[in-house]
Protein backbone atom coordinates (compact mmCIF):
# COMPACT_ATOMS: atom_id res chain seq x y z
CA MET A 1 120.39 95.58 47.16
CA SER A 2 116.87 94.36 47.33
CA HIS A 3 114.27 96.86 48.59
CA SER A 4 112.05 94.14 50.00
CA PRO A 5 111.53 94.40 53.72
CA PHE A 6 111.72 90.66 53.99
CA ASP A 7 115.09 89.86 52.45
CA VAL A 8 117.67 92.33 53.83
CA GLY A 9 121.14 92.72 52.60
CA PRO A 10 124.47 92.69 54.37
CA ALA A 11 125.70 96.06 55.59
CA SER A 12 128.66 97.23 53.49
CA GLY A 13 130.47 100.43 54.39
CA SER A 14 128.94 103.04 56.66
CA GLY A 15 125.21 103.66 56.58
CA ASP A 16 123.55 106.90 55.30
CA GLN A 17 120.50 108.93 56.19
CA GLY A 18 118.21 106.68 54.18
CA THR A 19 119.11 103.25 55.67
CA ILE A 20 118.90 101.44 58.98
CA GLU A 21 121.72 99.22 60.01
CA PHE A 22 121.29 96.47 62.70
CA VAL A 23 122.73 93.12 63.87
CA CYS A 24 120.90 89.83 63.34
CA GLN A 25 119.86 88.54 66.83
CA THR A 26 120.51 84.96 65.80
CA CYS A 27 123.64 84.80 63.75
CA GLY A 28 125.21 88.21 64.53
CA ARG A 29 125.40 89.35 60.86
CA GLN A 30 125.43 93.10 60.10
CA LEU A 31 122.33 93.96 57.99
CA ARG A 32 120.93 97.08 56.32
CA VAL A 33 117.50 98.00 54.99
CA PRO A 34 115.99 101.23 53.55
CA LEU A 35 114.62 103.66 56.19
CA GLN A 36 111.04 103.41 55.06
CA PHE A 37 110.80 99.83 56.25
CA ALA A 38 111.09 100.88 59.89
CA GLY A 39 108.52 99.30 62.18
CA ARG A 40 108.20 96.31 59.84
CA LYS A 41 109.94 92.93 59.99
CA ALA A 42 112.98 91.63 58.03
CA LYS A 43 114.38 88.24 57.34
CA CYS A 44 118.11 87.65 57.63
CA PRO A 45 119.51 86.11 54.26
CA GLU A 46 122.12 84.16 56.33
CA CYS A 47 120.01 82.27 58.84
CA GLY A 48 116.47 83.05 57.84
CA ALA A 49 115.53 84.55 61.33
CA VAL A 50 112.97 87.30 61.31
CA GLN A 51 113.07 90.34 63.58
CA PRO A 52 111.38 93.75 63.79
CA ILE A 53 113.20 96.74 62.31
CA THR A 54 113.69 99.57 64.77
CA ALA A 55 114.53 103.06 63.52
CA PRO A 56 117.21 105.17 65.24
CA PRO A 57 115.60 107.87 67.53
CA SER A 58 117.09 110.73 65.41
CA ALA A 59 115.88 109.22 62.09
CA SER A 60 112.92 110.72 60.30
CA VAL A 61 110.86 107.73 59.21
CA PRO A 62 108.69 108.28 56.13
CA ARG A 63 105.01 107.49 56.59
CA PRO A 64 104.19 104.26 54.88
CA PRO A 65 101.50 104.29 52.26
CA ALA A 66 98.04 103.26 53.47
CA VAL A 67 97.32 101.19 50.18
CA PRO A 68 98.42 98.75 49.21
CA SER A 69 99.31 96.94 52.46
CA PRO A 70 102.59 95.17 52.53
CA PRO A 71 102.61 91.53 51.49
CA PRO A 72 102.41 88.92 54.25
CA LEU A 73 105.54 87.62 55.76
CA PRO A 74 107.10 84.47 54.26
CA THR A 75 106.43 81.56 56.45
CA ILE A 76 108.72 79.05 58.14
CA SER A 77 107.72 75.56 59.09
CA SER A 78 108.94 74.49 62.47
CA VAL A 79 107.08 71.16 62.24
CA ALA A 80 106.21 70.47 58.64
CA GLY A 81 107.63 70.96 55.22
CA GLY A 82 111.37 70.75 55.98
CA SER A 83 113.87 71.43 58.65
CA PRO A 84 112.94 74.03 61.30
CA ALA A 85 114.95 76.72 59.46
CA SER A 86 113.70 76.17 55.91
CA ALA A 87 111.32 78.53 54.19
CA THR A 88 107.95 76.94 53.16
CA GLU A 89 104.39 77.83 52.44
CA GLY A 90 101.58 77.47 54.93
CA ASP A 91 102.81 77.74 58.51
CA PRO A 92 102.94 80.96 60.55
CA LEU A 93 106.37 82.45 61.23
CA PRO A 94 107.66 82.54 64.76
CA PRO A 95 108.37 85.96 66.06
CA ALA A 96 111.93 87.12 66.74
CA SER A 97 112.94 87.67 70.38
CA PRO A 98 115.98 88.98 72.06
CA ALA A 99 118.78 86.43 72.29
CA SER A 100 118.55 85.95 75.95
CA SER A 101 119.77 82.29 75.72
CA PRO A 102 121.39 80.18 73.03
CA PHE A 103 117.76 78.95 72.12
CA ALA A 104 115.76 82.18 72.27
CA ALA A 105 116.32 83.28 68.66
CA ALA A 106 116.45 79.87 67.26
CA PRO A 107 114.48 79.34 64.03
CA GLY A 108 111.51 77.18 64.60
CA VAL A 109 111.47 77.64 68.43
CA PRO A 110 108.84 80.08 69.56
CA ALA A 111 109.59 82.79 72.04
CA ALA A 112 106.20 82.65 73.91
CA ALA A 113 103.22 80.45 74.00
CA ASP A 114 100.74 82.94 72.72
CA THR A 115 102.62 83.51 69.47
CA SER A 116 104.05 80.00 69.09
CA PRO A 117 103.80 78.26 65.75
CA LEU A 118 103.32 75.06 67.68
CA SER A 119 100.24 76.41 69.49
CA GLY A 120 98.36 77.10 66.19
CA THR A 121 98.03 80.85 66.62
CA PRO A 122 98.85 82.52 63.32
CA LEU A 123 100.78 85.77 63.21
CA ALA A 124 99.40 86.89 59.93
CA PRO A 125 95.68 87.91 59.53
CA GLN A 126 95.17 85.46 56.59
CA PRO A 127 94.24 81.87 57.44
CA PRO A 128 97.07 79.43 57.11
CA ALA A 129 97.20 76.94 54.33
CA PRO A 130 97.02 73.27 54.95
CA PRO A 131 100.31 71.82 56.17
CA ALA A 132 102.50 70.09 53.60
CA ALA A 133 103.65 66.51 54.07
CA PRO A 134 106.06 66.77 56.99
CA THR A 135 109.79 65.94 56.42
CA LEU A 136 111.69 67.04 59.44
CA MET A 137 115.19 65.64 58.83
CA ALA A 138 117.70 67.97 57.28
CA ALA A 139 121.07 67.44 55.69
CA THR A 140 122.95 69.08 58.55
CA PRO A 141 121.76 69.81 62.10
CA HIS A 142 120.70 73.24 63.20
CA HIS A 143 122.21 75.46 65.88
CA PRO A 144 125.81 74.62 65.01
CA GLY A 145 128.27 74.59 67.96
CA ARG A 146 132.00 73.94 68.20
CA GLU A 147 134.07 71.85 65.88
CA THR A 148 134.14 68.84 68.09
CA GLU A 149 135.39 65.42 67.16
CA THR A 150 131.89 64.11 66.69
CA LYS A 151 130.82 67.05 64.41
CA GLN A 152 133.97 66.79 62.28
CA LEU A 153 133.32 63.01 61.80
CA PHE A 154 129.79 63.68 60.97
CA ASP A 155 130.68 66.24 58.37
CA ARG A 156 133.25 63.97 56.83
CA ILE A 157 130.91 61.02 56.65
CA THR A 158 128.07 62.93 54.98
CA ALA A 159 130.54 64.46 52.52
CA GLU A 160 132.00 61.04 51.65
CA ILE A 161 128.58 59.40 51.24
CA GLY A 162 127.62 62.23 48.80
CA LYS A 163 130.33 61.12 46.40
CA ILE A 164 128.30 57.96 45.51
CA PHE A 165 124.76 58.34 47.00
CA VAL A 166 122.91 61.39 45.82
CA GLY A 167 120.03 63.09 47.80
CA GLN A 168 117.72 61.33 50.28
CA GLN A 169 118.95 63.62 53.09
CA GLU A 170 116.41 62.39 55.57
CA LEU A 171 117.50 58.82 55.08
CA VAL A 172 121.21 59.77 55.51
CA LEU A 173 120.79 61.81 58.63
CA GLY A 174 118.30 59.42 60.15
CA SER A 175 120.41 56.40 59.64
CA LEU A 176 123.50 58.16 61.18
CA VAL A 177 121.48 59.32 64.20
CA ALA A 178 120.10 55.85 64.70
CA LEU A 179 123.45 54.23 64.35
CA PHE A 180 125.16 56.53 66.88
CA SER A 181 122.16 56.05 69.16
CA SER A 182 122.21 52.22 69.13
CA GLY A 183 118.81 52.18 67.26
CA HIS A 184 117.33 50.81 64.07
CA ILE A 185 115.18 52.35 61.34
CA LEU A 186 112.27 51.28 59.13
CA ILE A 187 112.27 52.77 55.65
CA GLU A 188 109.13 53.12 53.58
CA SER A 189 109.81 53.73 50.00
CA VAL A 190 109.07 52.45 46.54
CA PRO A 191 111.62 50.28 44.82
CA GLY A 192 114.60 51.68 42.92
CA LEU A 193 115.55 54.62 45.18
CA GLY A 194 119.05 53.22 45.95
CA LYS A 195 118.53 51.74 49.46
CA THR A 196 121.02 48.87 48.84
CA LEU A 197 123.52 51.29 47.35
CA PHE A 198 123.11 53.45 50.37
CA VAL A 199 123.84 50.70 52.86
CA ARG A 200 126.85 49.53 50.96
CA THR A 201 128.18 53.02 50.71
CA LEU A 202 127.58 53.50 54.48
CA GLY A 203 129.39 50.29 55.31
CA ARG A 204 132.44 51.29 53.21
CA VAL A 205 132.60 54.77 54.76
CA LEU A 206 132.14 53.45 58.32
CA GLY A 207 134.50 50.56 57.91
CA CYS A 208 131.62 48.09 58.94
CA HIS A 209 130.48 44.88 57.46
CA PHE A 210 127.35 44.93 55.21
CA GLY A 211 124.66 42.19 54.89
CA ARG A 212 121.50 41.97 53.01
CA ILE A 213 118.39 39.69 53.46
CA GLN A 214 115.63 39.55 50.86
CA PHE A 215 112.44 38.66 52.80
CA THR A 216 110.02 36.38 51.13
CA ALA A 217 106.90 34.48 52.15
CA ASP A 218 108.91 31.13 52.54
CA LEU A 219 111.73 32.71 54.59
CA MET A 220 112.20 30.73 57.86
CA PRO A 221 113.73 32.05 61.09
CA SER A 222 116.72 29.80 60.73
CA ASP A 223 117.45 31.30 57.30
CA ILE A 224 118.35 34.55 58.98
CA THR A 225 119.71 33.53 62.38
CA GLY A 226 121.62 30.44 61.27
CA ALA A 227 121.31 26.87 62.47
CA PRO A 228 123.55 24.04 63.71
CA ILE A 229 124.87 21.71 61.04
CA PHE A 230 126.50 18.29 61.29
CA ASP A 231 130.25 18.34 60.74
CA MET A 232 131.27 15.05 59.12
CA LYS A 233 134.90 15.54 60.14
CA THR A 234 134.32 16.15 63.73
CA GLN A 235 131.16 14.00 63.91
CA GLU A 236 129.36 16.74 65.88
CA PHE A 237 127.00 19.69 65.28
CA ARG A 238 128.47 23.12 64.94
CA PHE A 239 126.68 26.45 64.65
CA ARG A 240 126.63 28.05 61.21
CA PRO A 241 125.93 31.79 61.53
CA GLY A 242 123.28 33.31 59.29
CA PRO A 243 123.30 36.52 57.35
CA VAL A 244 122.14 38.44 60.42
CA PHE A 245 125.65 38.19 61.77
CA THR A 246 126.94 41.46 60.33
CA GLN A 247 127.02 45.17 61.37
CA LEU A 248 124.84 46.90 58.78
CA LEU A 249 121.86 44.74 57.90
CA LEU A 250 119.46 45.66 55.05
CA ALA A 251 116.22 43.72 55.61
CA ASP A 252 114.63 44.27 52.23
CA GLU A 253 110.76 44.16 52.03
CA ILE A 254 110.49 42.87 55.58
CA ASN A 255 106.71 42.86 55.42
CA ARG A 256 106.69 40.04 52.85
CA SER A 257 107.75 37.38 55.48
CA PRO A 258 105.43 35.79 57.97
CA ALA A 259 105.13 36.63 61.58
CA LYS A 260 107.39 33.97 62.90
CA THR A 261 110.21 35.32 60.84
CA HIS A 262 109.54 38.78 62.12
CA ALA A 263 109.73 37.39 65.72
CA ALA A 264 113.19 36.09 65.07
CA LEU A 265 114.38 39.67 64.73
CA LEU A 266 112.99 40.80 68.04
CA GLU A 267 115.70 39.47 70.27
CA ILE A 268 118.42 40.26 67.71
CA MET A 269 117.38 43.98 67.49
CA GLN A 270 116.84 44.50 71.24
CA GLU A 271 119.62 42.36 72.82
CA TYR A 272 122.21 42.02 69.96
CA ARG A 273 122.43 38.24 70.17
CA VAL A 274 121.01 35.06 68.66
CA THR A 275 120.05 32.05 70.92
CA ILE A 276 120.10 28.67 69.23
CA ASP A 277 119.64 25.41 71.14
CA GLY A 278 119.88 27.30 74.49
CA LYS A 279 123.27 28.92 73.58
CA SER A 280 123.54 32.61 72.91
CA HIS A 281 125.83 34.07 70.12
CA ASN A 282 126.54 37.65 70.41
CA LEU A 283 126.56 39.99 67.39
CA ALA A 284 129.38 42.38 66.58
CA ARG A 285 128.75 46.07 67.42
CA PRO A 286 127.71 48.47 66.13
CA PHE A 287 124.68 46.77 64.74
CA LEU A 288 122.12 48.69 62.68
CA VAL A 289 119.03 47.15 60.96
CA LEU A 290 117.63 49.09 58.05
CA ALA A 291 114.27 47.39 57.24
CA THR A 292 112.36 48.48 54.04
CA GLN A 293 108.73 48.01 53.10
CA ASN A 294 106.90 49.00 49.89
CA PRO A 295 103.89 51.28 50.67
CA ILE A 296 102.26 50.52 47.19
CA GLU A 297 101.93 46.69 47.10
CA SER A 298 99.76 45.01 49.62
CA GLU A 299 99.26 41.58 48.05
CA GLY A 300 101.41 38.92 49.62
CA THR A 301 102.49 41.11 52.52
CA TYR A 302 102.12 40.80 56.33
CA ASN A 303 101.78 43.82 58.56
CA LEU A 304 104.51 44.18 61.04
CA PRO A 305 103.26 43.63 64.60
CA GLU A 306 103.23 46.50 66.96
CA ALA A 307 105.83 44.83 69.16
CA GLN A 308 108.29 44.90 66.29
CA LEU A 309 107.43 48.40 65.09
CA ASP A 310 108.20 49.66 68.47
CA ARG A 311 111.73 48.21 68.17
CA PHE A 312 112.60 50.71 65.52
CA MET A 313 113.86 54.06 66.60
CA PHE A 314 112.72 55.82 63.43
CA LYS A 315 110.35 55.29 60.51
CA LEU A 316 111.78 57.24 57.58
CA THR A 317 110.08 57.87 54.22
CA ALA A 318 112.20 58.03 51.06
CA ASP A 319 110.61 59.83 48.15
CA TYR A 320 111.56 60.32 44.59
CA PRO A 321 114.62 62.62 44.02
CA ARG A 322 114.36 66.18 42.85
CA ALA A 323 115.05 66.96 39.16
CA GLU A 324 118.58 68.17 39.73
CA GLU A 325 119.39 65.16 41.97
CA GLU A 326 118.02 62.69 39.45
CA ALA A 327 120.07 64.29 36.74
CA GLN A 328 123.13 63.81 38.93
CA ILE A 329 122.18 60.21 39.57
CA LEU A 330 121.93 59.54 35.82
CA GLU A 331 125.36 61.11 35.33
CA LEU A 332 127.03 59.17 38.19
CA HIS A 333 125.46 55.70 37.64
CA SER A 334 124.66 55.31 33.99
CA ARG A 335 128.10 54.08 32.95
CA GLN A 336 128.85 50.32 32.97
CA VAL A 337 131.31 50.48 35.87
CA ASP A 338 131.37 47.66 38.55
CA LEU A 339 130.01 49.15 41.72
CA ASN A 340 132.41 47.16 43.97
CA GLU A 341 135.32 48.77 42.06
CA ARG A 342 133.78 52.27 42.51
CA LEU A 343 133.24 51.81 46.19
CA GLU A 344 136.75 50.62 46.66
CA ARG A 345 138.31 53.40 44.43
CA GLU A 346 136.16 56.40 45.27
CA LEU A 347 135.36 56.00 48.98
CA ALA A 348 137.76 55.75 51.97
CA PRO A 349 136.85 54.34 55.35
CA LEU A 350 136.66 57.31 57.73
CA THR A 351 136.14 55.42 61.06
CA THR A 352 136.13 52.08 62.67
CA PRO A 353 133.56 50.07 64.66
CA ASP A 354 135.46 50.77 67.87
CA GLU A 355 135.42 54.51 67.27
CA ILE A 356 131.68 54.45 66.55
CA MET A 357 130.99 52.69 69.88
CA ARG A 358 133.22 55.17 71.66
CA ILE A 359 131.50 58.14 70.25
CA THR A 360 128.04 56.55 70.97
CA LYS A 361 128.97 56.28 74.60
CA GLN A 362 130.20 59.85 74.55
CA ASN A 363 126.86 61.04 73.22
CA ALA A 364 125.22 59.92 76.50
CA ASP A 365 126.93 62.88 78.20
CA VAL A 366 125.06 65.45 76.17
CA ARG A 367 122.95 67.50 78.56
CA VAL A 368 119.07 67.45 78.34
CA ASP A 369 117.43 70.22 80.43
CA SER A 370 114.61 69.10 82.83
CA LYS A 371 112.24 71.37 80.85
CA LEU A 372 113.16 69.57 77.66
CA ILE A 373 112.51 66.21 79.37
CA GLU A 374 109.14 67.45 80.42
CA TYR A 375 108.40 68.61 76.88
CA ILE A 376 109.24 65.14 75.49
CA ASN A 377 107.03 63.57 78.19
CA LYS A 378 104.19 65.72 77.26
CA LEU A 379 104.45 64.89 73.52
CA VAL A 380 104.50 61.17 74.08
CA ARG A 381 101.74 61.09 76.72
CA LEU A 382 99.52 63.23 74.61
CA THR A 383 99.55 60.73 71.84
CA ARG A 384 97.63 58.42 74.15
CA LYS A 385 94.79 60.92 74.60
CA TRP A 386 94.61 62.34 71.12
CA PRO A 387 91.08 61.58 69.84
CA GLN A 388 92.13 60.36 66.38
CA PHE A 389 94.61 57.87 67.79
CA HIS A 390 93.41 54.48 68.91
CA LEU A 391 96.81 53.54 70.30
CA GLY A 392 99.47 55.98 71.45
CA ALA A 393 103.37 55.91 71.78
CA SER A 394 104.97 53.79 74.43
CA PRO A 395 107.67 54.99 76.91
CA ARG A 396 110.19 53.62 74.49
CA ALA A 397 109.23 56.41 72.16
CA GLY A 398 110.29 58.92 74.72
CA ILE A 399 113.60 57.12 75.22
CA ALA A 400 114.18 57.13 71.52
CA LEU A 401 113.53 60.94 71.36
CA MET A 402 115.90 61.57 74.27
CA GLN A 403 118.69 59.43 72.79
CA SER A 404 118.43 60.69 69.29
CA ALA A 405 118.19 64.33 70.41
CA ARG A 406 121.53 63.86 72.23
CA THR A 407 123.05 62.47 69.13
CA LEU A 408 121.77 65.21 66.84
CA ALA A 409 123.14 67.83 69.26
CA ALA A 410 126.51 66.06 69.19
CA PHE A 411 126.43 66.12 65.40
CA ALA A 412 125.97 69.84 65.59
CA GLY A 413 128.96 70.27 67.95
CA ARG A 414 126.94 70.96 71.04
CA ASP A 415 127.05 69.34 74.45
CA TYR A 416 123.42 70.28 75.25
CA ALA A 417 120.21 69.41 73.46
CA VAL A 418 117.71 72.16 72.36
CA PRO A 419 113.99 72.05 71.61
CA ASP A 420 114.63 72.13 67.82
CA ASP A 421 116.42 68.74 68.19
CA VAL A 422 113.24 67.18 69.54
CA VAL A 423 110.90 68.90 67.10
CA GLN A 424 113.04 67.79 64.13
CA LEU A 425 113.04 64.09 65.27
CA ALA A 426 109.40 63.94 66.65
CA LEU A 427 107.65 62.71 63.44
CA PRO A 428 110.27 59.94 62.55
CA ALA A 429 110.20 58.73 66.16
CA LEU A 430 106.39 58.76 66.59
CA ARG A 431 104.70 58.04 63.23
CA HIS A 432 105.06 54.27 63.47
CA ARG A 433 104.12 54.05 67.16
CA VAL A 434 100.56 55.40 66.87
CA ILE A 435 97.51 53.75 65.37
CA LEU A 436 94.60 55.71 63.82
CA THR A 437 91.05 55.22 64.96
CA ALA A 438 88.51 53.69 62.47
CA GLU A 439 86.85 57.13 62.15
CA ALA A 440 90.06 58.87 61.26
CA GLU A 441 90.89 56.21 58.68
CA VAL A 442 87.41 56.64 57.09
CA GLU A 443 87.95 60.40 56.97
CA GLY A 444 91.25 59.86 55.19
CA ARG A 445 93.35 61.51 57.98
CA ASN A 446 97.14 61.11 57.75
CA VAL A 447 99.28 60.13 60.66
CA ASP A 448 101.95 62.78 59.96
CA GLU A 449 99.22 65.44 59.64
CA LEU A 450 97.67 64.47 62.97
CA LEU A 451 101.05 64.34 64.68
CA THR A 452 101.87 67.79 63.38
CA GLU A 453 98.65 69.15 64.95
CA LEU A 454 99.52 67.33 68.22
CA ILE A 455 103.08 68.86 68.33
CA ARG A 456 101.76 72.29 67.63
CA SER A 457 99.41 72.04 70.54
CA VAL A 458 102.21 71.70 73.07
CA GLU A 459 104.13 74.85 74.16
CA VAL A 460 107.83 74.71 73.39
CA PRO A 461 109.98 75.42 76.50
CA ARG A 462 112.42 78.25 76.68
CA LEU A 463 115.58 77.07 78.17
């Protein structure tokens, strides 16, 4: 058993005179620490929640030494550096509070405004380190609930995708949340990280059709939507569908095509149809656009207009894999085996398009408390007043946060959304909808960094 006051061990057997046994207020696990740590705080090894240690009234607590002082508590990032329950460096840890509601002791959700990690008030005397680059999406949602049909399907899908596609947990979870929320995603990453492999794997597991368009400078709108062609047999024009008529569309390097080609996707992404010569052609549902752009190269590229950026529910960032993940990638994909054969042999379709649409409609029944709606509204409206933002988020950003929070709650097996759902999705939903001022760009400020400061300034509601 570790004698650190911060990582307590599970209680085994009956306690003795030199230990304190207590129950974790978040996950209910029995824990035990040495008696000399009474009055300090301990972190549960199961869920990571921190709570004060209270000695029994009859116990004789040894006086702690005056020097040296105990090391500072480890920190948890509720906005930056990982999921709200992941241990990181730099952000103050939210205090534990009695579990008066399902959300009171949730990691990453503060109990009160004056000690909230989102309000910027540190709990430790030392100044906080600069926040790391925020990455809010996690492999699995927090606050797990019941084993519902949606949760079981989500767990099976992520496990099946992991057989072929390694890592990139933010990309996997963000894509599934957008798909089951009728949204689209913009992916910013360097080449070679497996985006095409991911979309093909996702299409196989979901039982959906996959399509890919390589955007170039000479790509015309008719090249993606399709166009009427003259049929010599019937002596009349008939519509030939373009590659956009699919269910999972990978728009690779979308910023390499001109604005008129970008505009061709606006109606498709919003209304799920293509209009040619005054006649509308509906697309099969579900329909998910995964557009990619390279953040490194700028020559020969066109910035996406704000109108189209707002059409994307999330902007996700895919980074290089960790060392162990890259080693696993080398092991899985270094053999000369046909990818189509592997997808057919190793992956099994787990759902159908009809079931995806049915679950998407069910997710609309997830409850969102009025206090949580007010919290989302405050976040979105504050982006329009933030001094470093020239342009703030539109009401569509609030709608995206509401829809995606419902889906994330359903993935966790809950029929209600919690503040952690909103906090976890805030950066992906807002980072592409705000524009920095010229002064902020000159100072080298980062959008994610400024959004993190903004989110911390708003008090998280207690439901």
